[in-house]
Every structure is written in structure tokens, then in C-alpha cells.
Amino acid sequence: MAVNTTADWNDPISCPFCGDELTSPGAGFIDHIDSSADCEDGFQQWRANIAGDLAGEWSG
């Protein structure tokens, strides 16, 4: 699995962490990170990195 290390997610139907095609940009991404430990780790790291930029936690 190739890891995408860029900060830009410019293709909403591809996983920003591995580049795999998603079934959909929303639910398909969640299904993908649920089935890919590496991508879930990447998402959790990304989320932790931006948490201070958001006023409070988001609901998603």
C-alpha cells in the first residue's frame, strides 16, 4: 500500500492515505478506514493534527 503524504485531498473518490478508489466520498471513506488499519491510523493522526483548528469537536 502506497501512503500519500501530501496534505491535500484533491480527489474525493480516492483515499488520501493510500490512493485506493472509494465507493463514495462519504460513507465509502468511512467503510474504507474501518477495513484498513493503516488508513484508519492515518485518519486519526490527521484528525488529531487539526483538532486544535476547530472550535470544539465535530459530530462526524
PDB file of N, CA and C in Angstrom:
ATOM      1  N   MET A   1       0.853  -1.171   0.000  1.00  0.00           N
ATOM      2  CA  MET A   1       0.000   0.000   0.000  1.00  0.00           C
ATOM      3  C   MET A   1       0.900   1.237   0.000  1.00  0.00           C
ATOM      4  N   ALA A   2       0.699   2.103  -0.939  1.00  0.00           N
ATOM      5  CA  ALA A   2       1.444   3.354  -1.003  1.00  0.00           C
ATOM      6  C   ALA A   2       0.739   4.387  -0.140  1.00  0.00           C
ATOM      7  N   VAL A   3       1.498   5.073   0.669  1.00  0.00           N
ATOM      8  CA  VAL A   3       0.918   6.084   1.543  1.00  0.00           C
ATOM      9  C   VAL A   3       1.092   7.452   0.916  1.00  0.00           C
ATOM     10  N   ASN A   4       0.003   8.186   0.856  1.00  0.00           N
ATOM     11  CA  ASN A   4       0.025   9.546   0.339  1.00  0.00           C
ATOM     12  C   ASN A   4       0.395  10.465   1.493  1.00  0.00           C
ATOM     13  N   THR A   5       1.528  11.146   1.384  1.00  0.00           N
ATOM     14  CA  THR A   5       1.991  12.000   2.478  1.00  0.00           C
ATOM     15  C   THR A   5       1.667  13.468   2.266  1.00  0.00           C
ATOM     16  N   THR A   6       0.941  13.790   1.214  1.00  0.00           N
ATOM     17  CA  THR A   6       0.589  15.191   0.993  1.00  0.00           C
ATOM     18  C   THR A   6      -0.577  15.585   1.884  1.00  0.00           C
ATOM     19  N   ALA A   7      -0.700  16.879   2.150  1.00  0.00           N
ATOM     20  CA  ALA A   7      -1.785  17.385   2.990  1.00  0.00           C
ATOM     21  C   ALA A   7      -3.041  17.663   2.180  1.00  0.00           C
ATOM     22  N   ASP A   8      -2.965  17.603   0.863  1.00  0.00           N
ATOM     23  CA  ASP A   8      -4.106  17.933   0.017  1.00  0.00           C
ATOM     24  C   ASP A   8      -4.876  16.680  -0.372  1.00  0.00           C
ATOM     25  N   TRP A   9      -6.172  16.728  -0.166  1.00  0.00           N
ATOM     26  CA  TRP A   9      -7.040  15.646  -0.618  1.00  0.00           C
ATOM     27  C   TRP A   9      -7.847  16.234  -1.747  1.00  0.00           C
ATOM     28  N   ASN A  10      -7.365  16.044  -2.968  1.00  0.00           N
ATOM     29  CA  ASN A  10      -7.989  16.701  -4.112  1.00  0.00           C
ATOM     30  C   ASN A  10      -8.829  15.768  -4.969  1.00  0.00           C
ATOM     31  N   ASP A  11      -8.992  14.523  -4.562  1.00  0.00           N
ATOM     32  CA  ASP A  11      -9.817  13.570  -5.300  1.00  0.00           C
ATOM     33  C   ASP A  11     -10.715  12.851  -4.295  1.00  0.00           C
ATOM     34  N   PRO A  12     -11.956  13.294  -4.146  1.00  0.00           N
ATOM     35  CA  PRO A  12     -12.813  12.753  -3.092  1.00  0.00           C
ATOM     36  C   PRO A  12     -13.230  11.300  -3.285  1.00  0.00           C
ATOM     37  N   ILE A  13     -12.925  10.700  -4.424  1.00  0.00           N
ATOM     38  CA  ILE A  13     -13.245   9.289  -4.572  1.00  0.00           C
ATOM     39  C   ILE A  13     -12.017   8.396  -4.447  1.00  0.00           C
ATOM     40  N   SER A  14     -10.918   8.963  -3.968  1.00  0.00           N
ATOM     41  CA  SER A  14      -9.710   8.199  -3.668  1.00  0.00           C
ATOM     42  C   SER A  14      -9.313   8.452  -2.221  1.00  0.00           C
ATOM     43  N   CYS A  15      -8.871   7.403  -1.551  1.00  0.00           N
ATOM     44  CA  CYS A  15      -8.409   7.552  -0.171  1.00  0.00           C
ATOM     45  C   CYS A  15      -7.171   8.442  -0.152  1.00  0.00           C
ATOM     46  N   PRO A  16      -7.154   9.466   0.696  1.00  0.00           N
ATOM     47  CA  PRO A  16      -5.996  10.358   0.731  1.00  0.00           C
ATOM     48  C   PRO A  16      -4.770   9.699   1.363  1.00  0.00           C
ATOM     49  N   PHE A  17      -4.937   8.563   1.983  1.00  0.00           N
ATOM     50  CA  PHE A  17      -3.832   7.906   2.679  1.00  0.00           C
ATOM     51  C   PHE A  17      -3.184   6.795   1.850  1.00  0.00           C
ATOM     52  N   CYS A  18      -3.965   6.097   1.030  1.00  0.00           N
ATOM     53  CA  CYS A  18      -3.382   5.008   0.241  1.00  0.00           C
ATOM     54  C   CYS A  18      -3.645   5.141  -1.246  1.00  0.00           C
ATOM     55  N   GLY A  19      -4.606   6.005  -1.632  1.00  0.00           N
ATOM     56  CA  GLY A  19      -4.912   6.207  -3.030  1.00  0.00           C
ATOM     57  C   GLY A  19      -5.929   5.240  -3.599  1.00  0.00           C
ATOM     58  N   ASP A  20      -6.395   4.269  -2.806  1.00  0.00           N
ATOM     59  CA  ASP A  20      -7.410   3.330  -3.304  1.00  0.00           C
ATOM     60  C   ASP A  20      -8.697   4.062  -3.650  1.00  0.00           C
ATOM     61  N   GLU A  21      -9.416   3.547  -4.651  1.00  0.00           N
ATOM     62  CA  GLU A  21     -10.695   4.135  -5.038  1.00  0.00           C
ATOM     63  C   GLU A  21     -11.750   3.807  -3.991  1.00  0.00           C
ATOM     64  N   LEU A  22     -12.563   4.807  -3.654  1.00  0.00           N
ATOM     65  CA  LEU A  22     -13.634   4.650  -2.679  1.00  0.00           C
ATOM     66  C   LEU A  22     -14.954   4.436  -3.397  1.00  0.00           C
ATOM     67  N   THR A  23     -15.896   3.751  -2.742  1.00  0.00           N
ATOM     68  CA  THR A  23     -17.211   3.557  -3.349  1.00  0.00           C
ATOM     69  C   THR A  23     -18.007   4.850  -3.348  1.00  0.00           C
ATOM     70  N   SER A  24     -17.714   5.735  -2.394  1.00  0.00           N
ATOM     71  CA  SER A  24     -18.327   7.062  -2.333  1.00  0.00           C
ATOM     72  C   SER A  24     -17.446   7.941  -1.459  1.00  0.00           C
ATOM     73  N   PRO A  25     -17.522   9.261  -1.616  1.00  0.00           N
ATOM     74  CA  PRO A  25     -16.672  10.150  -0.826  1.00  0.00           C
ATOM     75  C   PRO A  25     -17.023  10.175   0.666  1.00  0.00           C
ATOM     76  N   GLY A  26     -18.235   9.882   1.029  1.00  0.00           N
ATOM     77  CA  GLY A  26     -18.647   9.952   2.439  1.00  0.00           C
ATOM     78  C   GLY A  26     -18.600   8.598   3.113  1.00  0.00           C
ATOM     79  N   ALA A  27     -19.699   7.858   2.978  1.00  0.00           N
ATOM     80  CA  ALA A  27     -19.806   6.547   3.620  1.00  0.00           C
ATOM     81  C   ALA A  27     -18.738   5.582   3.110  1.00  0.00           C
ATOM     82  N   GLY A  28     -18.377   5.702   1.856  1.00  0.00           N
ATOM     83  CA  GLY A  28     -17.338   4.833   1.301  1.00  0.00           C
ATOM     84  C   GLY A  28     -15.993   5.051   1.977  1.00  0.00           C
ATOM     85  N   PHE A  29     -15.705   6.302   2.339  1.00  0.00           N
ATOM     86  CA  PHE A  29     -14.458   6.585   3.048  1.00  0.00           C
ATOM     87  C   PHE A  29     -14.488   5.959   4.440  1.00  0.00           C
ATOM     88  N   ILE A  30     -15.610   6.089   5.140  1.00  0.00           N
ATOM     89  CA  ILE A  30     -15.731   5.506   6.484  1.00  0.00           C
ATOM     90  C   ILE A  30     -15.606   3.987   6.407  1.00  0.00           C
ATOM     91  N   ASP A  31     -16.275   3.363   5.435  1.00  0.00           N
ATOM     92  CA  ASP A  31     -16.152   1.912   5.255  1.00  0.00           C
ATOM     93  C   ASP A  31     -14.706   1.530   4.988  1.00  0.00           C
ATOM     94  N   HIS A  32     -14.023   2.332   4.185  1.00  0.00           N
ATOM     95  CA  HIS A  32     -12.628   2.048   3.834  1.00  0.00           C
ATOM     96  C   HIS A  32     -11.722   2.118   5.058  1.00  0.00           C
ATOM     97  N   ILE A  33     -11.837   3.170   5.859  1.00  0.00           N
ATOM     98  CA  ILE A  33     -10.942   3.258   7.025  1.00  0.00           C
ATOM     99  C   ILE A  33     -11.306   2.210   8.078  1.00  0.00           C
ATOM    100  N   ASP A  34     -12.569   1.761   8.100  1.00  0.00           N
ATOM    101  CA  ASP A  34     -12.946   0.678   9.007  1.00  0.00           C
ATOM    102  C   ASP A  34     -12.296  -0.647   8.611  1.00  0.00           C
ATOM    103  N   SER A  35     -11.997  -0.803   7.324  1.00  0.00           N
ATOM    104  CA  SER A  35     -11.407  -2.061   6.859  1.00  0.00           C
ATOM    105  C   SER A  35      -9.901  -1.973   6.621  1.00  0.00           C
ATOM    106  N   SER A  36      -9.312  -0.804   6.790  1.00  0.00           N
ATOM    107  CA  SER A  36      -7.875  -0.619   6.570  1.00  0.00           C
ATOM    108  C   SER A  36      -7.245   0.041   7.789  1.00  0.00           C
ATOM    109  N   ALA A  37      -6.518  -0.749   8.559  1.00  0.00           N
ATOM    110  CA  ALA A  37      -5.904  -0.228   9.785  1.00  0.00           C
ATOM    111  C   ALA A  37      -4.915   0.902   9.487  1.00  0.00           C
ATOM    112  N   ASP A  38      -4.145   0.781   8.411  1.00  0.00           N
ATOM    113  CA  ASP A  38      -3.172   1.829   8.077  1.00  0.00           C
ATOM    114  C   ASP A  38      -3.872   3.145   7.760  1.00  0.00           C
ATOM    115  N   CYS A  39      -4.966   3.075   6.999  1.00  0.00           N
ATOM    116  CA  CYS A  39      -5.687   4.294   6.642  1.00  0.00           C
ATOM    117  C   CYS A  39      -6.425   4.859   7.849  1.00  0.00           C
ATOM    118  N   GLU A  40      -6.944   3.999   8.708  1.00  0.00           N
ATOM    119  CA  GLU A  40      -7.592   4.486   9.923  1.00  0.00           C
ATOM    120  C   GLU A  40      -6.576   5.198  10.811  1.00  0.00           C
ATOM    121  N   ASP A  41      -5.372   4.646  10.928  1.00  0.00           N
ATOM    122  CA  ASP A  41      -4.309   5.310  11.700  1.00  0.00           C
ATOM    123  C   ASP A  41      -3.972   6.668  11.089  1.00  0.00           C
ATOM    124  N   GLY A  42      -3.875   6.724   9.763  1.00  0.00           N
ATOM    125  CA  GLY A  42      -3.595   7.988   9.087  1.00  0.00           C
ATOM    126  C   GLY A  42      -4.688   9.010   9.329  1.00  0.00           C
ATOM    127  N   PHE A  43      -5.945   8.566   9.277  1.00  0.00           N
ATOM    128  CA  PHE A  43      -7.070   9.462   9.521  1.00  0.00           C
ATOM    129  C   PHE A  43      -7.058   9.971  10.956  1.00  0.00           C
ATOM    130  N   GLN A  44      -6.801   9.089  11.918  1.00  0.00           N
ATOM    131  CA  GLN A  44      -6.777   9.502  13.320  1.00  0.00           C
ATOM    132  C   GLN A  44      -5.644  10.498  13.575  1.00  0.00           C
ATOM    133  N   GLN A  45      -4.507  10.283  12.940  1.00  0.00           N
ATOM    134  CA  GLN A  45      -3.394  11.225  13.078  1.00  0.00           C
ATOM    135  C   GLN A  45      -3.768  12.571  12.461  1.00  0.00           C
ATOM    136  N   TRP A  46      -4.356  12.551  11.265  1.00  0.00           N
ATOM    137  CA  TRP A  46      -4.793  13.788  10.612  1.00  0.00           C
ATOM    138  C   TRP A  46      -5.802  14.519  11.490  1.00  0.00           C
ATOM    139  N   ARG A  47      -6.761  13.772  12.029  1.00  0.00           N
ATOM    140  CA  ARG A  47      -7.802  14.373  12.865  1.00  0.00           C
ATOM    141  C   ARG A  47      -7.196  15.008  14.118  1.00  0.00           C
ATOM    142  N   ALA A  48      -6.231  14.346  14.733  1.00  0.00           N
ATOM    143  CA  ALA A  48      -5.557  14.895  15.908  1.00  0.00           C
ATOM    144  C   ALA A  48      -4.789  16.164  15.552  1.00  0.00           C
ATOM    145  N   ASN A  49      -4.200  16.186  14.364  1.00  0.00           N
ATOM    146  CA  ASN A  49      -3.428  17.354  13.927  1.00  0.00           C
ATOM    147  C   ASN A  49      -4.291  18.585  13.722  1.00  0.00           C
ATOM    148  N   ILE A  50      -5.541  18.397  13.289  1.00  0.00           N
ATOM    149  CA  ILE A  50      -6.393  19.564  13.030  1.00  0.00           C
ATOM    150  C   ILE A  50      -7.353  19.874  14.172  1.00  0.00           C
ATOM    151  N   ALA A  51      -7.384  19.036  15.187  1.00  0.00           N
ATOM    152  CA  ALA A  51      -8.358  19.203  16.274  1.00  0.00           C
ATOM    153  C   ALA A  51      -8.280  20.589  16.903  1.00  0.00           C
ATOM    154  N   GLY A  52      -7.105  21.144  17.035  1.00  0.00           N
ATOM    155  CA  GLY A  52      -6.956  22.462  17.619  1.00  0.00           C
ATOM    156  C   GLY A  52      -7.431  23.589  16.721  1.00  0.00           C
ATOM    157  N   ASP A  53      -7.617  23.284  15.426  1.00  0.00           N
ATOM    158  CA  ASP A  53      -8.089  24.294  14.483  1.00  0.00           C
ATOM    159  C   ASP A  53      -9.600  24.455  14.509  1.00  0.00           C
ATOM    160  N   LEU A  54     -10.290  23.531  15.124  1.00  0.00           N
ATOM    161  CA  LEU A  54     -11.754  23.546  15.165  1.00  0.00           C
ATOM    162  C   LEU A  54     -12.220  24.014  16.548  1.00  0.00           C
ATOM    163  N   ALA A  55     -13.264  24.772  16.573  1.00  0.00           N
ATOM    164  CA  ALA A  55     -13.832  25.233  17.844  1.00  0.00           C
ATOM    165  C   ALA A  55     -14.737  24.130  18.386  1.00  0.00           C
ATOM    166  N   GLY A  56     -14.218  23.310  19.258  1.00  0.00           N
ATOM    167  CA  GLY A  56     -14.976  22.187  19.779  1.00  0.00           C
ATOM    168  C   GLY A  56     -14.886  21.004  18.837  1.00  0.00           C
ATOM    169  N   GLU A  57     -15.399  19.892  19.254  1.00  0.00           N
ATOM    170  CA  GLU A  57     -15.357  18.667  18.457  1.00  0.00           C
ATOM    171  C   GLU A  57     -16.482  18.671  17.449  1.00  0.00           C
ATOM    172  N   TRP A  58     -16.260  18.053  16.290  1.00  0.00           N
ATOM    173  CA  TRP A  58     -17.310  17.940  15.305  1.00  0.00           C
ATOM    174  C   TRP A  58     -18.129  16.689  15.561  1.00  0.00           C
ATOM    175  N   SER A  59     -19.291  16.616  14.971  1.00  0.00           N
ATOM    176  CA  SER A  59     -20.179  15.492  15.222  1.00  0.00           C
ATOM    177  C   SER A  59     -19.868  14.300  14.328  1.00  0.00           C
ATOM    178  N   GLY A  60     -19.088  14.493  13.253  1.00  0.00           N
ATOM    179  CA  GLY A  60     -18.813  13.395  12.311  1.00  0.00           C
ATOM    180  C   GLY A  60     -17.684  12.632  12.692  1.00  0.00           C
TER     181      GLY A  60
END
